[in-house]
Structures are given as structure tokens and as C-alpha cells.
N, C-alpha and C. Protein backbone atom coordinates (compact mmCIF):
# COMPACT_ATOMS: atom_id res chain seq x y z
N GLU A 1 -32.44 25.23 12.55
CA GLU A 1 -32.31 26.48 12.46
C GLU A 1 -33.33 27.41 13.03
N LYS A 2 -34.58 27.56 13.74
CA LYS A 2 -35.07 28.27 14.14
C LYS A 2 -34.27 28.58 15.55
N ALA A 3 -33.95 27.02 16.59
CA ALA A 3 -33.29 27.92 17.67
C ALA A 3 -32.33 28.85 17.49
N ARG A 4 -31.44 28.47 16.69
CA ARG A 4 -30.18 29.47 16.24
C ARG A 4 -30.32 31.04 15.71
N GLY A 5 -32.04 31.20 15.32
CA GLY A 5 -32.53 32.37 15.35
C GLY A 5 -32.84 32.80 16.47
N ARG A 6 -33.38 32.23 17.33
CA ARG A 6 -33.93 32.31 18.38
C ARG A 6 -32.98 32.96 19.61
N ARG A 7 -31.85 32.01 19.34
CA ARG A 7 -30.94 32.37 20.24
C ARG A 7 -30.53 33.84 19.90
N ILE A 8 -29.73 33.90 18.70
CA ILE A 8 -29.11 35.11 18.28
C ILE A 8 -30.24 36.56 18.66
N PHE A 9 -31.92 36.35 18.32
CA PHE A 9 -33.14 36.95 18.58
C PHE A 9 -32.44 37.78 20.55
N GLY A 10 -32.51 36.76 21.05
CA GLY A 10 -32.75 36.81 22.14
C GLY A 10 -31.16 37.54 22.40
N ALA A 11 -30.10 37.11 22.14
CA ALA A 11 -28.77 37.71 22.26
C ALA A 11 -28.89 39.34 21.98
N MET A 12 -30.06 39.25 20.92
CA MET A 12 -29.27 41.27 20.51
C MET A 12 -30.67 41.90 21.44
N LEU A 13 -31.76 41.24 21.79
CA LEU A 13 -32.79 41.49 22.81
C LEU A 13 -31.55 42.03 24.33
N GLY A 14 -31.26 40.86 24.48
CA GLY A 14 -30.19 41.55 25.85
C GLY A 14 -29.34 42.62 25.76
N HIS A 15 -28.85 42.43 24.91
CA HIS A 15 -27.44 43.79 24.35
C HIS A 15 -28.18 45.07 24.56
N LEU A 16 -29.36 45.27 23.52
CA LEU A 16 -30.49 46.66 23.39
C LEU A 16 -30.68 46.71 24.71
N LYS A 17 -31.06 45.75 25.59
CA LYS A 17 -32.15 45.81 27.10
C LYS A 17 -30.78 46.22 27.69
N ALA A 18 -29.15 45.58 27.90
CA ALA A 18 -28.74 46.37 28.57
C ALA A 18 -27.84 47.57 28.77
N SER A 19 -27.97 47.67 27.07
CA SER A 19 -27.73 49.47 26.65
C SER A 19 -28.81 50.78 27.53
N THR A 20 -29.99 49.92 27.32
CA THR A 20 -30.89 50.48 27.82
C THR A 20 -30.75 51.16 29.37
N THR A 21 -30.52 49.74 30.16
CA THR A 21 -30.41 50.41 31.60
C THR A 21 -29.05 50.67 32.35
N PRO A 22 -28.55 51.36 32.93
CA PRO A 22 -27.32 51.27 33.33
C PRO A 22 -27.37 50.22 34.35
N SER A 23 -26.17 50.10 34.14
CA SER A 23 -25.30 49.07 34.71
C SER A 23 -24.57 49.58 35.94
N PRO A 24 -23.99 48.77 36.78
CA PRO A 24 -23.34 49.48 38.09
C PRO A 24 -21.82 50.00 37.23
N SER A 25 -21.62 49.36 36.73
CA SER A 25 -20.08 49.73 36.04
C SER A 25 -20.24 51.06 34.94
N SER A 26 -21.45 51.29 34.14
CA SER A 26 -21.47 52.25 33.87
C SER A 26 -22.20 53.59 34.33
N LEU A 27 -22.63 53.36 35.42
CA LEU A 27 -22.83 54.32 36.57
C LEU A 27 -21.50 54.37 37.38
N SER A 28 -20.58 53.73 37.53
CA SER A 28 -19.19 54.63 38.27
C SER A 28 -18.43 55.15 37.42
N ASN A 29 -18.88 54.72 36.02
CA ASN A 29 -17.82 55.70 34.87
C ASN A 29 -18.61 57.04 34.57
N GLN A 30 -20.14 56.85 34.75
CA GLN A 30 -20.77 58.30 34.79
C GLN A 30 -20.39 58.98 35.79
N ALA A 31 -20.16 58.64 37.51
CA ALA A 31 -19.89 59.53 38.47
C ALA A 31 -18.33 59.70 38.09
N LEU A 32 -17.49 58.85 37.35
CA LEU A 32 -16.14 59.49 37.39
C LEU A 32 -15.80 60.39 36.37
N ARG A 33 -16.50 60.22 35.44
CA ARG A 33 -16.65 61.36 34.38
C ARG A 33 -17.37 62.73 35.13
N ARG A 34 -17.85 63.05 36.21
CA ARG A 34 -18.67 64.13 36.58
C ARG A 34 -17.44 64.40 37.68
N ARG A 35 -16.70 63.47 38.28
CA ARG A 35 -15.63 63.86 39.13
C ARG A 35 -14.37 64.69 38.33
N GLU A 36 -13.65 63.65 37.21
CA GLU A 36 -12.87 64.43 36.10
C GLU A 36 -13.44 66.04 35.75
N GLU A 37 -14.95 65.88 35.16
CA GLU A 37 -14.83 67.28 35.12
C GLU A 37 -14.70 68.42 36.42
N ILE A 38 -15.24 68.08 37.26
CA ILE A 38 -15.01 68.69 38.68
C ILE A 38 -14.06 69.37 38.80
N VAL A 39 -12.96 68.33 38.64
CA VAL A 39 -11.49 68.68 39.07
C VAL A 39 -10.73 69.74 37.65
N GLU A 40 -11.41 69.10 37.00
CA GLU A 40 -11.01 69.97 35.29
C GLU A 40 -11.36 71.83 35.51
N ARG A 41 -12.98 71.32 36.07
CA ARG A 41 -13.49 72.96 36.40
C ARG A 41 -12.38 73.51 37.77
N LYS A 42 -12.18 73.07 38.70
CA LYS A 42 -11.29 73.38 39.49
C LYS A 42 -9.76 73.81 39.01
N LYS A 43 -9.55 72.97 38.27
CA LYS A 43 -7.90 73.63 37.69
C LYS A 43 -8.30 74.31 37.23
N ALA A 44 -8.98 75.00 36.21
CA ALA A 44 -9.40 76.00 35.54
C ALA A 44 -9.49 77.09 36.48
N GLU A 45 -10.07 77.45 37.40
CA GLU A 45 -10.81 77.65 38.52
C GLU A 45 -9.26 78.62 38.93
N MET A 46 -8.48 77.64 39.19
CA MET A 46 -7.34 77.84 40.00
C MET A 46 -6.29 78.14 39.40
N LEU A 47 -6.56 78.20 38.07
CA LEU A 47 -4.98 78.57 37.02
C LEU A 47 -5.30 80.17 36.78
N GLN A 48 -6.98 80.73 36.59
CA GLN A 48 -7.35 82.02 36.75
C GLN A 48 -7.14 82.78 37.64
N GLN A 49 -7.02 82.41 38.60
CA GLN A 49 -7.09 82.96 40.17
C GLN A 49 -5.31 83.15 39.90
N ASN A 50 -4.37 82.17 40.08
CA ASN A 50 -2.95 82.29 39.89
C ASN A 50 -2.73 83.57 38.71
N GLU A 51 -3.23 83.40 37.77
CA GLU A 51 -3.33 84.80 36.60
C GLU A 51 -3.35 85.71 36.87
N GLU A 52 -4.49 86.13 38.01
CA GLU A 52 -4.93 87.19 38.19
C GLU A 52 -3.87 87.51 39.45
N GLN A 53 -3.58 87.15 40.46
CA GLN A 53 -2.96 87.07 41.68
C GLN A 53 -1.11 87.10 40.88
N LEU A 54 -0.61 86.85 40.13
CA LEU A 54 0.69 87.28 39.09
C LEU A 54 0.39 88.57 38.44
N GLY A 55 -0.92 88.83 37.77
CA GLY A 55 -0.86 89.91 37.23
C GLY A 55 -0.87 91.35 38.33
N ARG A 56 -1.73 91.14 39.44
CA ARG A 56 -1.59 92.23 40.39
C ARG A 56 -0.35 92.14 41.38
N ARG A 57 0.89 91.46 41.34
CA ARG A 57 2.19 91.12 41.47
C ARG A 57 2.73 92.15 40.73
N LYS A 58 2.40 91.78 39.28
CA LYS A 58 3.80 92.48 38.58
C LYS A 58 3.17 94.12 38.74
N LEU A 59 1.77 94.16 38.73
CA LEU A 59 1.33 95.45 39.01
C LEU A 59 2.37 96.56 39.84
N LYS A 60 1.74 95.93 41.03
CA LYS A 60 2.00 96.30 42.58
C LYS A 60 3.76 96.48 42.31
N SER A 61 4.51 95.82 41.54
CA SER A 61 5.95 95.71 41.54
C SER A 61 6.26 96.71 40.57
N LEU A 62 5.58 97.08 39.38
CA LEU A 62 5.80 98.29 38.31
C LEU A 62 5.48 99.17 39.43
N GLU A 63 4.49 99.50 39.91
CA GLU A 63 3.86 100.48 40.45
C GLU A 63 5.61 101.16 41.86
N GLU A 64 5.62 99.89 42.34
CA GLU A 64 6.66 100.16 43.63
C GLU A 64 7.95 100.88 42.67
N ARG A 65 8.46 100.06 41.42
CA ARG A 65 9.20 100.67 40.96
C ARG A 65 9.39 102.04 40.30
N GLU A 66 8.47 102.63 39.81
CA GLU A 66 8.04 103.72 39.31
C GLU A 66 8.43 104.83 40.79
N ASN A 67 7.72 103.93 41.68
CA ASN A 67 8.01 105.16 42.84
C ASN A 67 9.35 105.53 43.12
N LEU A 68 9.99 104.24 43.02
CA LEU A 68 11.77 104.30 43.64
C LEU A 68 12.62 105.35 42.67
N GLN A 69 12.07 104.95 41.25
CA GLN A 69 12.55 105.76 40.24
C GLN A 69 12.31 107.26 40.25
N LYS A 70 11.13 107.62 40.97
CA LYS A 70 11.10 109.00 41.15
C LYS A 70 11.69 109.31 42.01
N ARG A 71 11.72 108.70 43.36
CA ARG A 71 12.39 109.00 44.15
C ARG A 71 14.07 109.48 43.82
N LEU A 72 14.75 108.20 43.10
CA LEU A 72 15.64 108.56 42.99
C LEU A 72 16.31 109.50 42.10
N ASP A 73 15.22 109.76 41.04
CA ASP A 73 15.56 111.27 40.27
C ASP A 73 15.44 112.50 41.10
N GLU A 74 14.70 112.56 42.17
CA GLU A 74 14.66 113.62 42.86
C GLU A 74 15.58 113.53 44.10
N GLU A 75 16.28 112.60 44.46
CA GLU A 75 17.80 112.93 45.00
C GLU A 75 18.64 113.17 44.23
N ILE A 76 18.73 112.71 42.91
CA ILE A 76 20.06 113.04 42.12
C ILE A 76 19.51 114.80 41.70
N MET A 77 18.52 114.88 41.48
CA MET A 77 17.97 116.34 41.37
C MET A 77 18.65 117.29 42.31
N LYS A 78 18.45 116.74 43.29
CA LYS A 78 18.61 117.67 44.87
C LYS A 78 20.17 117.88 45.13
N SER A 79 21.10 116.94 44.61
CA SER A 79 22.36 116.87 44.71
C SER A 79 23.10 117.23 43.80
N ARG A 80 22.68 117.69 42.47
CA ARG A 80 22.94 118.39 41.32
C ARG A 80 23.24 119.80 41.44
N HIS A 81 21.67 119.76 42.35
CA HIS A 81 21.36 121.56 42.68
C HIS A 81 22.67 121.88 43.82
N LYS A 82 22.55 120.79 44.88
CA LYS A 82 23.47 121.50 45.81
C LYS A 82 25.14 121.56 45.05
N GLN A 83 25.65 120.88 44.35
CA GLN A 83 26.59 120.81 43.65
C GLN A 83 26.56 122.02 42.53
N LEU A 84 25.89 122.78 42.11
CA LEU A 84 25.68 123.49 41.36
C LEU A 84 25.80 125.36 41.88
N LEU A 85 24.98 125.28 42.88
CA LEU A 85 24.99 126.28 44.22
C LEU A 85 26.60 125.97 44.91
N GLU A 86 27.12 125.24 45.02
CA GLU A 86 28.62 125.43 46.14
C GLU A 86 29.38 125.94 44.75
N GLU A 87 29.49 125.47 43.62
CA GLU A 87 30.72 125.43 42.55
C GLU A 87 30.43 126.95 41.87
N ALA A 88 29.17 127.85 42.48
CA ALA A 88 29.03 129.30 42.12
C ALA A 88 29.68 129.94 42.85
N ASN A 89 29.56 129.84 44.50
CA ASN A 89 30.61 130.28 44.81
C ASN A 89 32.04 130.59 44.69
N PHE A 90 32.40 129.60 43.84
CA PHE A 90 33.90 129.81 43.50
C PHE A 90 34.13 130.50 41.93
N LEU A 91 34.97 130.87 41.47
CA LEU A 91 35.83 131.71 40.61
C LEU A 91 36.10 130.13 39.79
N GLN A 92 36.65 130.17 38.16
CA GLN A 92 36.85 128.89 37.68
C GLN A 92 37.15 129.44 36.26
N THR A 93 38.21 128.21 35.77
CA THR A 93 39.01 129.16 34.72
C THR A 93 38.16 128.47 33.53
N LYS A 94 38.79 128.97 32.23
CA LYS A 94 37.70 129.11 30.92
C LYS A 94 38.49 128.33 30.02
N THR A 95 39.19 127.46 30.67
CA THR A 95 40.12 126.24 30.11
C THR A 95 39.38 124.89 29.97
N GLU A 96 39.27 123.70 29.33
CA GLU A 96 38.87 122.46 30.37
C GLU A 96 40.05 121.52 30.67
N PRO A 97 39.93 120.65 31.22
CA PRO A 97 38.41 120.60 32.32
C PRO A 97 39.06 122.08 33.59
N ARG A 98 37.62 122.58 33.95
CA ARG A 98 37.27 123.63 34.72
C ARG A 98 38.09 123.43 35.96
N LEU A 99 38.83 124.65 36.32
CA LEU A 99 39.38 124.31 37.65
C LEU A 99 39.06 125.60 38.91
N PHE A 100 38.35 124.80 39.86
CA PHE A 100 37.28 126.10 40.22
C PHE A 100 38.21 126.69 41.48
N TYR A 101 38.76 127.72 42.07
CA TYR A 101 39.32 128.16 42.89
C TYR A 101 38.69 129.57 43.28
N ARG A 102 39.51 130.17 44.60
CA ARG A 102 38.51 131.15 45.32
C ARG A 102 39.91 131.77 46.29
N PRO A 103 40.42 133.36 45.32
CA PRO A 103 41.19 133.67 46.25
C PRO A 103 41.31 134.41 47.54
N TRP A 104 42.22 134.26 48.16
CA TRP A 104 42.25 134.65 49.59
C TRP A 104 41.09 135.99 49.71
N GLU A 105 41.98 136.80 48.77
CA GLU A 105 40.96 138.37 49.13
C GLU A 105 40.46 138.47 47.70
N LEU A 106 39.19 138.48 47.34
CA LEU A 106 38.36 138.62 46.35
C LEU A 106 38.16 140.70 46.14
N ARG A 107 38.61 140.38 44.70
CA ARG A 107 38.55 141.74 44.11
C ARG A 107 37.22 142.15 43.69
N ASP A 108 36.84 143.73 43.84
CA ASP A 108 35.17 143.92 43.38
C ASP A 108 34.74 143.12 42.48
N CYS A 109 35.34 142.72 41.41
CA CYS A 109 35.29 142.18 39.93
C CYS A 109 34.56 141.03 39.95
N ASP A 110 35.49 140.49 40.92
CA ASP A 110 35.35 138.85 41.50
C ASP A 110 34.12 138.45 42.28
N GLU A 111 33.80 139.49 43.01
CA GLU A 111 32.74 139.36 43.62
C GLU A 111 31.31 139.25 43.04
N ASP A 112 31.12 140.39 42.34
CA ASP A 112 30.54 140.51 40.93
C ASP A 112 30.20 138.89 40.07
N ILE A 113 31.26 139.02 39.78
CA ILE A 113 31.37 137.56 38.95
C ILE A 113 30.43 136.36 39.53
N ILE A 114 30.84 136.50 40.93
CA ILE A 114 30.88 134.99 41.75
C ILE A 114 29.26 135.21 41.89
N GLU A 115 28.46 136.87 42.54
CA GLU A 115 27.26 136.85 42.50
C GLU A 115 26.63 136.75 41.32
N GLU A 116 26.98 136.85 40.23
CA GLU A 116 26.34 136.41 38.62
C GLU A 116 26.14 135.20 38.73
N GLN A 117 27.30 134.51 39.50
CA GLN A 117 26.93 132.76 39.22
C GLN A 117 26.05 132.31 39.68
N ILE A 118 26.50 133.02 41.44
CA ILE A 118 24.70 132.25 42.29
C ILE A 118 23.21 132.95 41.61
N LYS A 119 23.65 134.24 41.31
CA LYS A 119 22.17 134.25 40.68
C LYS A 119 21.47 133.37 39.71
N ARG A 120 22.57 133.02 38.50
CA ARG A 120 22.41 132.19 37.61
C ARG A 120 21.82 130.85 37.95
N ALA A 121 22.93 130.32 38.73
CA ALA A 121 22.51 129.02 39.55
C ALA A 121 21.11 129.05 40.25
N GLU A 122 20.87 129.95 40.85
CA GLU A 122 19.24 129.77 41.45
C GLU A 122 18.25 129.78 40.62
N GLU A 123 18.41 130.41 39.67
CA GLU A 123 17.26 130.36 38.59
C GLU A 123 17.35 129.77 37.93
N ARG A 124 18.70 128.55 37.63
CA ARG A 124 18.80 127.22 37.05
C ARG A 124 17.87 126.41 37.53
N VAL A 125 18.04 126.06 39.08
CA VAL A 125 17.65 125.47 39.89
C VAL A 125 16.03 125.94 40.09
N GLY A 126 15.24 127.16 39.96
CA GLY A 126 13.99 127.27 40.40
C GLY A 126 13.70 126.71 39.14
N GLU A 127 14.06 126.48 38.19
CA GLU A 127 13.50 126.08 36.61
C GLU A 127 13.62 125.06 36.76
N GLU A 128 14.12 124.11 37.15
CA GLU A 128 14.17 123.00 37.38
C GLU A 128 12.98 122.18 37.97
N LEU A 129 13.05 122.89 39.21
CA LEU A 129 12.50 122.83 40.38
C LEU A 129 10.29 122.84 39.93
N ALA A 130 10.75 124.08 38.86
CA ALA A 130 9.10 124.48 38.43
C ALA A 130 8.76 123.05 37.16
N GLU A 131 9.81 122.70 36.70
CA GLU A 131 9.63 121.75 35.43
C GLU A 131 9.76 120.30 36.03
N TRP A 132 10.15 119.81 36.97
CA TRP A 132 9.69 119.04 38.44
C TRP A 132 8.36 118.67 38.82
N GLU A 133 7.66 119.97 39.27
CA GLU A 133 6.39 119.66 39.38
C GLU A 133 5.80 120.05 38.54
């Protein structure tokens, strides 16, 4: 029985000693864990960089769309003003849909109406331009 006890005691000491001194396999496990940690850190950094780039791209795209929308609104306004000023040079019917016409020879009252229409159209264009700016 003494021999059995010594053998068990020796096995326990061997086991304890083995756990305190790093074995070659535990060293490789530690190196592997370190590598995995490094890889995970790099992945996290890459994900963060990708998210930042995506955010910058979205912001740039939004700014470009806003600029494009502003230019389109300005073009629409200019074409509407042009049409308004052109229509002001014609007489129009009072019924719906309005018909625009211009007699070969204008009477004095027709000239006054056209001048008043041009004046109102220019005022309206001026007001809209002031609002735009």
C-alpha cells in the first residue's frame, strides 16, 4: 500500500509541476490566442473604418443631392418666370381654360391691360427672387 501511495503522490506532484511550468503545447496555445486577439482587434478596426467611410460617403451623397435639388429648383423657377413674363404680353380670356391671344392691332385699353400684366408679372418675379435669396 505504501508503494501505491507513493505512486499516486508522485503522479499528483508531476501533474502539479506540469501545470506550473509551461509546456510546449501551452506556449503554442498562448501564441495562438495572442494571434487570435490581434486578428480580432484588426477586424474591429477595419469594421470601424468601413463604417466611418460609409458615413462619409452618405454625407457626401446627401450634400450632392441637396446641391442638385437646389439647382433644379432654381431652373424650374427661372423657366416659370420666363413663361409668366411671356404670357404677360398677351391678352387672355376670363373663362377656364384661359386662352391667350394678341390682336393684330391693339386698342389703347388693350395696351393698358398688357402693360399692367407685365408690371404685375415683373413684381411677382422680383418677390420670388427676393424670397429665393
